[in-house]
Amino acid sequence: MRLKQKPQDFRVKELLREGFLLGRGDFRVYRVTKSKATSFEAARALSEMAGVQIRDVSMAGLKDRQGITDQFMTIHRGKEVFYNRPELKIEPVGFSQDEITSKDSDGNYFEIVSRGLGETQLIRLRAGLDTVREFGYSNFFDEQRFGNLRHGQGWIALDLLRGDVEGGLKRMLAAQSVHDSAPVQHFKEQVWRRWGNWKALREIAGRYGKHHSVFDHLRKEPGDFAGAFKHLATRERVIHQFAFQSHIWNRALALWLKDAVPEPRRFTLPGIEGPLVFVKGPIPIVSGWGGCLPLPGVHLDGCRDELQVSYFEKALSRYRLEGSGFEIPNVPGFAFKADNRPLAIQPQNLRARPAEPDALNEGYSCVKFSFELPRGAYASLLIKRLLGVQSNEDQGYDPRRTSQADQQRYEEGDYAGEQRRRRGGHHRGHGSGRRGSSGSRRRGGSRGGDGEYSGERRGFREDRDAGGEAPRRSRGGGHGRGRRHSQEGPPRNDGPPKGKGGYKRPF
């Protein structure tokens, strides 16, 4: 399966709540349509054209760079802006009484073309389409939420929960990524080599224009790593907090589904942070849960009963943590807050057109999907549920980082050393320190995803509604040997050979 092989294959349109858009108001509303650009890049372009600071531009969520995305932004008393280029279009569409936030979004409408499909995927699609229409699918956080894993930073929040504030800070600043530019790679190497020499790092950071306030703080107050976190962008800290919180939620949901649903009525697909369990029918109803499993707050605040607590305790136990210790009290920007999240998502107006020959992948088929999802749901997860496989969105992802053995070593605190031995690395410190390892863009965001971070303007949540990726490369074509699947369950991945993708930023 291949998603976003070309931008037109993935279209997202943001849906505004009824009554938000007005004929008059204090805030001008703009429709922003973009491709090959992030929402921040588009917002920066809008701010420059409107003659304001980028902080004056508000949006309901962040749409990633790939695909063609349509979203709304607001500026207080903003002037008219008309801009029309292939990669970016901006036009005023009305007014609102307040700046736009995530509460003003009712979700997204999607048009997605899935390419490189073999016969087994088409069989599974036909078997499961009506089931998903009627009952929906498990509402896991998908891989776009976990850019910290795909790009090598690991669980920064877990470091902090264990009291390794210095290690968490170091990896947040200097975990290296295959996507880093040469200057960024060099800067991070300097951080690894000179860690502890805060004066030298302050000078280096000043030359690169990155994190100079962090090192200035450490130069004045050596050892105050918790205080240094204050000098990182709030959004960066929030992303890492939400990533680990979402991981624990995913693991609790998967554990519960395995216990609550008999094996013949469920199947499992691989996920970047653990197995994803799907049900061939309705998800069981538990009295008192209201169809939701809460995102766990501090000390598992928000859990409705002891059953929910028990599954979160099981998820935390793999890291040798307990619910009573689920708190990061001394590092700003890492406050776990409880929030309800539905166990299942039911897409609206789900349609799949008949399969057609795939013009981009000879010998394979393509299917066009259209549907609507509420805010916080993942379109990529829906496609995986229907087709039973993952796509190849992120070619830079190192599949070894999610093997069971690696996960166990990470949980036992020996992950960094093992990775350095495996790759021949030479840097000291906590986490991966060698160029070419799967490090992260500092934001922890997904380079390959496309959708949104939903949340408030200065504390965005990573709820991207996006296409997926394959944690393991397929060995090739769908016309080889193997049994056909006549019922729901994960089929063989018979997609075409994978190629490299990606686009250059326009701004």
Protein backbone atom coordinates (compact mmCIF):
# COMPACT_ATOMS: atom_id res chain seq x y z
CA MET A 1 0.00 0.00 0.00
CA ARG A 2 1.23 3.47 -0.87
CA LEU A 3 -0.25 6.74 0.36
CA LYS A 4 0.55 10.23 -0.93
CA GLN A 5 2.53 9.02 -3.90
CA LYS A 6 1.60 12.40 -5.32
CA PRO A 7 0.06 15.39 -3.49
CA GLN A 8 -3.33 14.99 -5.19
CA ASP A 9 -3.67 11.55 -3.58
CA PHE A 10 -4.28 13.05 -0.15
CA ARG A 11 -6.74 15.91 0.30
CA VAL A 12 -7.90 17.25 3.66
CA LYS A 13 -10.56 19.92 4.20
CA GLU A 14 -11.14 21.34 7.65
CA LEU A 15 -14.77 21.49 8.77
CA LEU A 16 -15.80 24.52 10.85
CA ARG A 17 -18.46 24.33 13.54
CA GLU A 18 -21.78 25.83 12.63
CA GLY A 19 -22.01 29.52 13.49
CA PHE A 20 -18.28 30.26 13.60
CA LEU A 21 -18.07 32.02 10.25
CA LEU A 22 -19.91 35.38 10.28
CA GLY A 23 -20.50 38.31 7.97
CA ARG A 24 -18.98 40.72 10.52
CA GLY A 25 -16.64 40.35 13.47
CA ASP A 26 -13.37 41.39 15.13
CA PHE A 27 -11.32 38.65 13.45
CA ARG A 28 -10.87 38.12 9.74
CA VAL A 29 -11.03 34.48 8.67
CA TYR A 30 -8.81 33.17 5.86
CA ARG A 31 -9.01 29.92 3.95
CA VAL A 32 -5.48 28.58 3.44
CA THR A 33 -4.91 25.82 0.88
CA LYS A 34 -1.40 24.44 0.72
CA SER A 35 0.79 21.62 -0.51
CA LYS A 36 4.47 20.87 0.09
CA ALA A 37 4.38 23.20 3.12
CA THR A 38 3.60 22.99 6.82
CA SER A 39 0.93 25.05 8.54
CA PHE A 40 3.61 27.12 10.25
CA GLU A 41 5.20 27.95 6.90
CA ALA A 42 1.79 28.94 5.52
CA ALA A 43 1.02 31.00 8.66
CA ARG A 44 4.35 32.76 8.32
CA ALA A 45 3.56 33.65 4.72
CA LEU A 46 0.12 34.93 5.75
CA SER A 47 1.58 37.02 8.57
CA GLU A 48 4.07 38.66 6.21
CA MET A 49 1.38 39.47 3.66
CA ALA A 50 -0.95 40.81 6.38
CA GLY A 51 1.84 42.83 8.01
CA VAL A 52 1.58 41.15 11.44
CA GLN A 53 3.71 38.87 13.61
CA ILE A 54 3.30 35.13 13.16
CA ARG A 55 2.06 34.89 16.77
CA ASP A 56 -0.95 36.95 15.69
CA VAL A 57 -2.09 34.19 13.32
CA SER A 58 -4.38 31.58 14.92
CA MET A 59 -5.44 28.19 13.61
CA ALA A 60 -7.50 25.24 14.85
CA GLY A 61 -4.82 22.66 14.12
CA LEU A 62 -1.63 21.98 12.19
CA LYS A 63 -1.81 20.33 8.81
CA ASP A 64 1.41 18.72 7.74
CA ARG A 65 3.32 19.37 4.57
CA GLN A 66 2.42 16.51 2.22
CA GLY A 67 -0.87 16.28 0.38
CA ILE A 68 -3.24 19.14 -0.38
CA THR A 69 -4.75 20.58 2.78
CA ASP A 70 -7.41 23.20 3.32
CA GLN A 71 -7.70 24.94 6.69
CA PHE A 72 -8.76 28.22 8.31
CA MET A 73 -6.70 30.89 10.07
CA THR A 74 -7.68 34.14 11.80
CA ILE A 75 -6.04 37.51 12.46
CA HIS A 76 -7.46 40.20 14.72
CA ARG A 77 -8.62 42.99 12.43
CA GLY A 78 -6.56 41.46 9.64
CA LYS A 79 -6.45 43.06 6.25
CA GLU A 80 -7.56 41.36 3.06
CA VAL A 81 -4.97 39.00 1.63
CA PHE A 82 -5.28 37.35 -1.77
CA TYR A 83 -2.52 34.98 -2.86
CA ASN A 84 -2.70 32.21 -5.45
CA ARG A 85 0.22 29.95 -6.26
CA PRO A 86 0.30 26.18 -6.91
CA GLU A 87 1.79 25.48 -3.47
CA LEU A 88 -0.19 28.07 -1.48
CA LYS A 89 -3.52 29.83 -1.85
CA ILE A 90 -4.88 32.37 0.68
CA GLU A 91 -8.24 34.11 0.50
CA PRO A 92 -10.49 35.89 3.02
CA VAL A 93 -13.81 34.09 3.57
CA GLY A 94 -15.51 36.09 6.34
CA PHE A 95 -15.21 37.06 9.97
CA SER A 96 -15.53 35.63 13.49
CA GLN A 97 -16.07 37.02 16.96
CA ASP A 98 -12.97 35.30 18.43
CA GLU A 99 -9.71 33.81 17.24
CA ILE A 100 -10.03 30.29 15.92
CA THR A 101 -9.09 27.38 18.24
CA SER A 102 -9.44 23.61 18.10
CA LYS A 103 -12.94 23.94 19.58
CA ASP A 104 -14.07 25.62 16.38
CA SER A 105 -13.22 22.59 14.24
CA ASP A 106 -15.75 19.80 13.71
CA GLY A 107 -13.13 17.58 12.11
CA ASN A 108 -11.97 16.99 8.56
CA TYR A 109 -13.20 15.73 5.23
CA PHE A 110 -10.77 13.43 3.41
CA GLU A 111 -10.25 12.25 -0.14
CA ILE A 112 -7.47 9.66 -0.19
CA VAL A 113 -6.10 7.50 -3.00
CA SER A 114 -4.43 4.31 -1.80
CA ARG A 115 -2.10 2.90 -4.44
CA GLY A 116 -0.11 -0.24 -4.99
CA LEU A 117 -2.88 -2.58 -3.85
CA GLY A 118 -2.79 -6.30 -4.55
CA GLU A 119 -5.68 -8.73 -4.64
CA THR A 120 -5.43 -9.64 -0.94
CA GLN A 121 -5.91 -6.02 0.11
CA LEU A 122 -8.92 -5.66 -2.18
CA ILE A 123 -10.45 -8.85 -0.75
CA ARG A 124 -9.98 -7.58 2.76
CA LEU A 125 -11.44 -4.19 1.85
CA ARG A 126 -14.59 -5.82 0.50
CA ALA A 127 -14.87 -7.98 3.62
CA GLY A 128 -14.48 -5.15 6.12
CA LEU A 129 -16.02 -2.05 4.57
CA ASP A 130 -19.56 -2.62 5.81
CA THR A 131 -18.30 -3.59 9.26
CA VAL A 132 -16.38 -0.33 9.61
CA ARG A 133 -19.34 1.68 8.32
CA GLU A 134 -21.61 0.13 10.95
CA PHE A 135 -19.30 -0.20 13.96
CA GLY A 136 -16.29 2.02 13.33
CA TYR A 137 -12.73 1.14 14.33
CA SER A 138 -10.43 1.27 17.35
CA ASN A 139 -9.46 4.87 18.06
CA PHE A 140 -5.72 4.42 18.53
CA PHE A 141 -3.30 7.30 18.20
CA ASP A 142 -1.46 6.63 14.97
CA GLU A 143 2.21 6.99 14.14
CA GLN A 144 2.02 10.71 13.37
CA ARG A 145 1.68 11.19 17.12
CA PHE A 146 5.00 9.47 17.70
CA GLY A 147 7.53 11.37 15.64
CA ASN A 148 9.79 11.14 18.68
CA LEU A 149 10.19 7.41 17.93
CA ARG A 150 10.50 7.61 14.19
CA HIS A 151 13.21 10.21 14.51
CA GLY A 152 15.19 8.78 17.38
CA GLN A 153 14.48 10.92 20.43
CA GLY A 154 12.71 8.12 22.28
CA TRP A 155 10.40 8.88 25.20
CA ILE A 156 11.61 12.19 26.64
CA ALA A 157 8.75 12.14 29.15
CA LEU A 158 9.87 8.69 30.32
CA ASP A 159 13.35 10.06 31.02
CA LEU A 160 11.77 12.77 33.14
CA LEU A 161 9.48 10.32 34.93
CA ARG A 162 12.58 8.33 35.87
CA GLY A 163 14.38 11.45 37.03
CA ASP A 164 16.89 11.63 34.16
CA VAL A 165 16.25 15.30 33.41
CA GLU A 166 19.73 15.86 31.97
CA GLY A 167 19.41 12.92 29.58
CA GLY A 168 15.98 14.05 28.44
CA LEU A 169 17.21 17.56 27.77
CA LYS A 170 20.25 16.33 25.89
CA ARG A 171 18.26 14.12 23.57
CA MET A 172 15.65 16.79 23.01
CA LEU A 173 18.40 19.15 21.86
CA ALA A 174 20.69 16.80 20.01
CA ALA A 175 19.04 13.53 18.93
CA GLN A 176 20.13 13.24 15.33
CA SER A 177 17.90 12.62 12.35
CA VAL A 178 18.47 11.40 8.83
CA HIS A 179 16.39 14.42 7.84
CA ASP A 180 18.74 16.95 9.46
CA SER A 181 20.49 19.39 7.19
CA ALA A 182 24.28 19.43 7.29
CA PRO A 183 24.41 22.54 9.54
CA VAL A 184 21.91 21.01 11.97
CA GLN A 185 23.89 17.74 12.04
CA HIS A 186 27.05 19.64 12.80
CA PHE A 187 25.38 21.65 15.55
CA LYS A 188 24.05 18.51 17.22
CA GLU A 189 27.45 16.83 17.02
CA GLN A 190 28.92 19.83 18.81
CA VAL A 191 26.30 19.48 21.53
CA TRP A 192 27.19 15.81 22.04
CA ARG A 193 30.94 16.41 22.12
CA ARG A 194 30.92 19.52 24.29
CA TRP A 195 28.08 18.69 26.66
CA GLY A 196 28.93 20.25 30.02
CA ASN A 197 31.02 23.06 28.53
CA TRP A 198 28.13 25.52 28.66
CA LYS A 199 30.20 28.57 27.73
CA ALA A 200 31.42 26.94 24.52
CA LEU A 201 27.95 25.65 23.67
CA ARG A 202 26.47 29.09 24.28
CA GLU A 203 28.86 30.53 21.71
CA ILE A 204 28.17 27.72 19.23
CA ALA A 205 24.41 28.05 19.70
CA GLY A 206 24.66 31.77 19.07
CA ARG A 207 26.40 31.16 15.76
CA TYR A 208 23.77 28.64 14.69
CA GLY A 209 20.84 30.61 16.11
CA LYS A 210 19.58 27.55 18.02
CA HIS A 211 18.98 27.10 21.76
CA HIS A 212 21.34 29.84 22.86
CA SER A 213 19.00 30.73 25.76
CA VAL A 214 19.16 27.12 27.00
CA PHE A 215 22.94 27.14 27.20
CA ASP A 216 23.00 30.66 28.55
CA HIS A 217 20.82 29.43 31.42
CA LEU A 218 23.10 26.44 32.04
CA ARG A 219 26.18 28.67 31.93
CA LYS A 220 24.69 30.79 34.69
CA GLU A 221 23.14 27.90 36.63
CA PRO A 222 25.05 24.68 35.90
CA GLY A 223 23.06 21.60 36.79
CA ASP A 224 19.64 23.26 36.59
CA PHE A 225 18.44 21.10 33.71
CA ALA A 226 14.82 21.40 34.75
CA GLY A 227 15.07 25.18 34.53
CA ALA A 228 16.68 24.87 31.11
CA PHE A 229 13.50 23.25 29.80
CA LYS A 230 11.75 26.61 30.29
CA HIS A 231 13.82 27.95 27.42
CA LEU A 232 12.49 25.36 24.95
CA ALA A 233 9.32 26.16 23.02
CA THR A 234 6.15 25.19 24.87
CA ARG A 235 4.94 23.35 21.79
CA GLU A 236 8.02 21.13 21.76
CA ARG A 237 7.54 20.12 25.38
CA VAL A 238 3.83 19.54 24.94
CA ILE A 239 4.42 17.28 21.93
CA HIS A 240 6.69 15.00 23.96
CA GLN A 241 4.33 14.97 26.92
CA PHE A 242 1.41 14.01 24.71
CA ALA A 243 3.48 11.38 22.88
CA PHE A 244 4.15 9.31 26.00
CA GLN A 245 0.67 9.88 27.43
CA SER A 246 -0.81 8.71 24.12
CA HIS A 247 1.49 5.70 24.05
CA ILE A 248 0.27 4.60 27.48
CA TRP A 249 -3.34 5.11 26.31
CA ASN A 250 -2.70 2.98 23.21
CA ARG A 251 -1.13 0.20 25.26
CA ALA A 252 -4.00 0.21 27.78
CA LEU A 253 -6.58 0.03 24.97
CA ALA A 254 -4.73 -2.82 23.23
CA LEU A 255 -4.45 -4.80 26.47
CA TRP A 256 -8.13 -4.32 27.24
CA LEU A 257 -9.26 -5.32 23.73
CA LYS A 258 -7.20 -8.51 23.90
CA ASP A 259 -8.94 -9.44 27.14
CA ALA A 260 -12.42 -8.24 26.19
CA VAL A 261 -12.70 -9.63 22.65
CA PRO A 262 -12.26 -13.34 21.79
CA GLU A 263 -9.40 -13.99 19.39
CA PRO A 264 -11.56 -15.05 16.40
CA ARG A 265 -13.30 -11.66 16.55
CA ARG A 266 -10.18 -9.51 16.54
CA PHE A 267 -6.90 -9.12 14.67
CA THR A 268 -3.66 -7.24 15.25
CA LEU A 269 -1.56 -4.99 13.02
CA PRO A 270 1.93 -3.66 13.81
CA GLY A 271 2.26 -0.10 15.04
CA ILE A 272 5.25 2.13 15.55
CA GLU A 273 4.89 2.02 19.34
CA GLY A 274 3.21 -1.36 19.74
CA PRO A 275 0.55 -3.68 18.29
CA LEU A 276 -2.81 -2.22 17.24
CA VAL A 277 -5.85 -4.39 17.95
CA PHE A 278 -8.95 -4.16 15.78
CA VAL A 279 -12.35 -5.79 16.22
CA LYS A 280 -14.40 -7.51 13.50
CA GLY A 281 -17.60 -5.98 14.79
CA PRO A 282 -18.67 -3.70 17.63
CA ILE A 283 -16.25 -2.79 20.40
CA PRO A 284 -17.65 -4.08 23.71
CA ILE A 285 -19.61 -1.70 25.91
CA VAL A 286 -18.53 -1.35 29.53
CA SER A 287 -21.09 0.12 31.92
CA GLY A 288 -19.93 3.42 33.31
CA TRP A 289 -17.26 4.08 30.71
CA GLY A 290 -19.50 6.08 28.41
CA GLY A 291 -17.75 4.62 25.38
CA CYS A 292 -14.51 6.35 26.38
CA LEU A 293 -11.13 5.54 27.88
CA PRO A 294 -9.56 8.62 29.50
CA LEU A 295 -6.16 9.93 28.63
CA PRO A 296 -4.50 9.43 32.02
CA GLY A 297 -3.81 12.52 34.08
CA VAL A 298 -1.37 12.86 36.97
CA HIS A 299 -1.53 9.74 39.17
CA LEU A 300 -4.01 8.34 36.60
CA ASP A 301 -6.50 11.06 37.36
CA GLY A 302 -9.62 10.81 35.20
CA CYS A 303 -10.00 7.03 35.32
CA ARG A 304 -13.62 6.08 35.93
CA ASP A 305 -13.12 2.82 37.78
CA GLU A 306 -10.61 0.26 39.00
CA LEU A 307 -10.76 -1.67 35.73
CA GLN A 308 -9.43 1.30 33.77
CA VAL A 309 -6.78 1.90 36.43
CA SER A 310 -5.65 -1.74 36.18
CA TYR A 311 -4.98 -1.51 32.44
CA PHE A 312 -3.03 1.72 32.75
CA GLU A 313 -1.04 0.13 35.57
CA LYS A 314 -0.25 -2.80 33.27
CA ALA A 315 0.86 -0.44 30.52
CA LEU A 316 3.10 1.49 32.92
CA SER A 317 4.54 -1.63 34.53
CA ARG A 318 6.53 -2.48 31.39
CA TYR A 319 8.55 0.65 32.20
CA ARG A 320 8.73 -0.23 35.90
CA LEU A 321 6.41 2.64 36.73
CA GLU A 322 3.25 2.80 38.80
CA GLY A 323 0.21 5.02 38.49
CA SER A 324 1.17 6.80 41.70
CA GLY A 325 4.39 7.85 40.00
CA PHE A 326 2.80 9.13 36.81
CA GLU A 327 3.82 12.73 37.36
CA ILE A 328 6.63 15.07 36.32
CA PRO A 329 6.42 17.72 39.03
CA ASN A 330 9.59 19.77 38.58
CA VAL A 331 9.91 20.23 34.82
CA PRO A 332 7.67 22.88 33.24
CA GLY A 333 5.56 21.94 30.26
CA PHE A 334 5.10 18.26 31.15
CA ALA A 335 1.82 18.25 33.10
CA PHE A 336 -0.31 15.19 32.31
CA LYS A 337 -3.95 16.27 32.06
CA ALA A 338 -6.89 13.88 31.97
CA ASP A 339 -9.16 14.00 28.92
CA ASN A 340 -11.81 11.63 27.60
CA ARG A 341 -11.13 9.85 24.32
CA PRO A 342 -13.66 7.61 22.54
CA LEU A 343 -12.76 3.93 22.31
CA ALA A 344 -14.03 3.77 18.74
CA ILE A 345 -14.47 6.18 15.84
CA GLN A 346 -17.25 5.81 13.31
CA PRO A 347 -16.45 7.56 10.02
CA GLN A 348 -19.23 9.47 8.34
CA ASN A 349 -20.11 9.14 4.66
CA LEU A 350 -17.43 6.50 4.12
CA ARG A 351 -17.17 5.61 0.44
CA ALA A 352 -14.71 3.51 -1.52
CA ARG A 353 -14.85 3.67 -5.29
CA PRO A 354 -14.34 0.49 -7.31
CA ALA A 355 -10.69 -0.46 -7.74
CA GLU A 356 -8.96 0.80 -10.87
CA PRO A 357 -5.61 -0.03 -12.48
CA ASP A 358 -2.86 1.96 -10.79
CA ALA A 359 -1.23 4.15 -13.42
CA LEU A 360 1.77 4.80 -11.16
CA ASN A 361 2.39 1.16 -10.17
CA GLU A 362 2.01 -1.24 -13.07
CA GLY A 363 0.21 -4.45 -12.22
CA TYR A 364 -1.46 -3.07 -9.10
CA SER A 365 -4.74 -1.37 -8.27
CA CYS A 366 -5.72 1.88 -6.59
CA VAL A 367 -8.83 2.81 -4.62
CA LYS A 368 -10.16 6.28 -3.84
CA PHE A 369 -11.72 6.77 -0.40
CA SER A 370 -13.77 9.67 0.90
CA PHE A 371 -15.06 10.17 4.45
CA GLU A 372 -15.40 12.56 7.36
CA LEU A 373 -13.74 12.14 10.76
CA PRO A 374 -14.09 14.10 14.00
CA ARG A 375 -11.22 16.10 15.39
CA GLY A 376 -8.49 13.92 16.87
CA ALA A 377 -9.19 10.85 14.71
CA TYR A 378 -6.67 9.43 12.26
CA ALA A 379 -7.46 8.86 8.60
CA SER A 380 -4.33 6.74 8.22
CA LEU A 381 -5.61 4.36 10.88
CA LEU A 382 -8.90 3.95 9.04
CA ILE A 383 -7.08 3.00 5.83
CA LYS A 384 -4.93 0.50 7.72
CA ARG A 385 -8.02 -1.00 9.34
CA LEU A 386 -9.66 -1.43 5.93
CA LEU A 387 -6.62 -2.77 4.06
CA GLY A 388 -4.74 -4.50 6.86
CA VAL A 389 -1.30 -3.16 6.01
CA GLN A 390 0.84 -0.12 6.59
CA SER A 391 2.27 2.15 3.94
CA ASN A 392 5.76 3.40 3.19
CA GLU A 393 5.41 7.07 4.04
CA ASP A 394 8.66 7.62 5.93
CA GLN A 395 11.63 6.19 4.09
CA GLY A 396 14.00 7.46 6.78
CA TYR A 397 12.48 5.36 9.55
CA ASP A 398 14.73 2.68 11.03
CA PRO A 399 12.59 -0.42 11.69
CA ARG A 400 15.06 -1.74 14.24
CA ARG A 401 13.91 0.88 16.70
CA THR A 402 10.60 -0.91 17.23
CA SER A 403 11.77 -4.50 17.40
CA GLN A 404 10.75 -6.34 20.55
CA ALA A 405 14.36 -6.82 21.62
CA ASP A 406 15.16 -3.14 21.19
CA GLN A 407 12.04 -2.14 23.09
CA GLN A 408 13.04 -4.40 25.98
CA ARG A 409 16.56 -2.97 26.03
CA TYR A 410 15.16 0.56 26.02
CA GLU A 411 12.82 -0.23 28.89
CA GLU A 412 15.72 -1.68 30.88
CA GLY A 413 17.83 1.44 30.34
CA ASP A 414 20.39 -0.14 28.00
CA TYR A 415 18.95 1.09 24.73
CA ALA A 416 21.47 3.85 24.06
CA GLY A 417 24.51 1.69 24.61
CA GLU A 418 23.16 -1.11 22.44
CA GLN A 419 22.35 1.28 19.60
CA ARG A 420 25.84 2.79 19.73
CA ARG A 421 27.43 -0.66 19.63
CA ARG A 422 25.18 -1.67 16.74
CA ARG A 423 25.92 1.42 14.68
CA GLY A 424 29.51 1.96 15.74
CA GLY A 425 28.64 5.28 17.37
CA HIS A 426 31.20 7.22 19.38
CA HIS A 427 29.20 9.84 21.24
CA ARG A 428 28.57 9.71 24.91
CA GLY A 429 25.27 10.48 26.50
CA HIS A 430 21.72 9.28 26.70
CA GLY A 431 20.15 8.17 23.43
CA SER A 432 21.33 7.85 19.91
CA GLY A 433 24.27 10.10 19.10
CA ARG A 434 25.46 9.15 15.68
CA ARG A 435 24.74 10.77 12.37
CA GLY A 436 22.47 8.61 10.32
CA SER A 437 20.54 7.19 13.23
CA SER A 438 16.84 7.85 13.34
CA GLY A 439 16.88 11.14 15.20
CA SER A 440 14.09 13.65 15.30
CA ARG A 441 13.46 17.03 13.99
CA ARG A 442 13.52 18.94 17.22
CA ARG A 443 9.82 19.55 17.13
CA GLY A 444 9.23 15.82 17.33
CA GLY A 445 6.82 16.16 14.44
CA SER A 446 6.18 13.76 11.61
CA ARG A 447 7.86 14.52 8.33
CA GLY A 448 5.77 12.00 6.50
CA GLY A 449 2.41 12.63 8.13
CA ASP A 450 -0.37 14.88 7.02
CA GLY A 451 -3.26 16.08 9.13
CA GLU A 452 -3.33 18.16 12.26
CA TYR A 453 -2.18 18.79 15.74
CA SER A 454 -5.43 19.68 17.47
CA GLY A 455 -5.27 21.84 20.55
CA GLU A 456 -5.08 25.37 21.78
CA ARG A 457 -3.05 27.91 19.95
CA ARG A 458 0.06 27.71 22.13
CA GLY A 459 -0.29 24.13 23.31
CA PHE A 460 -1.01 22.05 20.24
CA ARG A 461 -1.83 18.38 20.58
CA GLU A 462 -0.46 16.01 18.01
CA ASP A 463 -3.71 14.64 16.59
CA ARG A 464 -2.68 14.29 12.99
CA ASP A 465 -5.16 12.83 10.58
CA ALA A 466 -2.73 11.28 8.23
CA GLY A 467 -1.35 8.63 6.02
CA GLY A 468 0.82 5.90 7.43
CA GLU A 469 4.12 4.17 6.91
CA ALA A 470 5.51 0.69 6.94
CA PRO A 471 7.85 -0.13 9.81
CA ARG A 472 9.31 -2.86 7.62
CA ARG A 473 9.92 -2.72 3.89
CA SER A 474 7.93 -5.14 1.78
CA ARG A 475 9.84 -7.66 -0.28
CA GLY A 476 7.75 -6.97 -3.26
CA GLY A 477 4.93 -7.73 -5.55
CA GLY A 478 1.46 -8.92 -4.97
CA HIS A 479 1.46 -11.61 -7.63
CA GLY A 480 3.64 -14.07 -5.75
CA ARG A 481 2.64 -17.16 -3.89
CA GLY A 482 0.53 -17.08 -0.78
CA ARG A 483 -2.95 -17.80 0.35
CA ARG A 484 -5.87 -15.52 -0.42
CA HIS A 485 -7.93 -14.05 2.40
CA SER A 486 -11.67 -14.36 2.16
CA GLN A 487 -12.40 -12.87 5.58
CA GLU A 488 -11.15 -10.08 7.76
CA GLY A 489 -7.65 -10.37 9.14
CA PRO A 490 -4.22 -9.02 8.27
CA PRO A 491 -3.27 -10.20 4.77
CA ARG A 492 0.17 -10.45 3.27
CA ASN A 493 1.60 -7.07 2.30
CA ASP A 494 1.58 -7.44 -1.47
CA GLY A 495 2.24 -3.83 -2.36
CA PRO A 496 4.75 -2.72 -4.98
CA PRO A 497 8.43 -2.12 -4.26
CA LYS A 498 8.91 1.00 -2.20
CA GLY A 499 10.44 4.17 -3.55
CA LYS A 500 11.67 7.38 -2.01
CA GLY A 501 9.43 10.39 -1.66
CA GLY A 502 9.49 13.83 -0.11
CA TYR A 503 9.29 17.41 -1.29
CA LYS A 504 11.31 20.55 -0.80
CA ARG A 505 9.82 23.34 1.25
CA PRO A 506 8.54 26.27 -0.80
CA PHE A 507 9.19 28.87 1.88
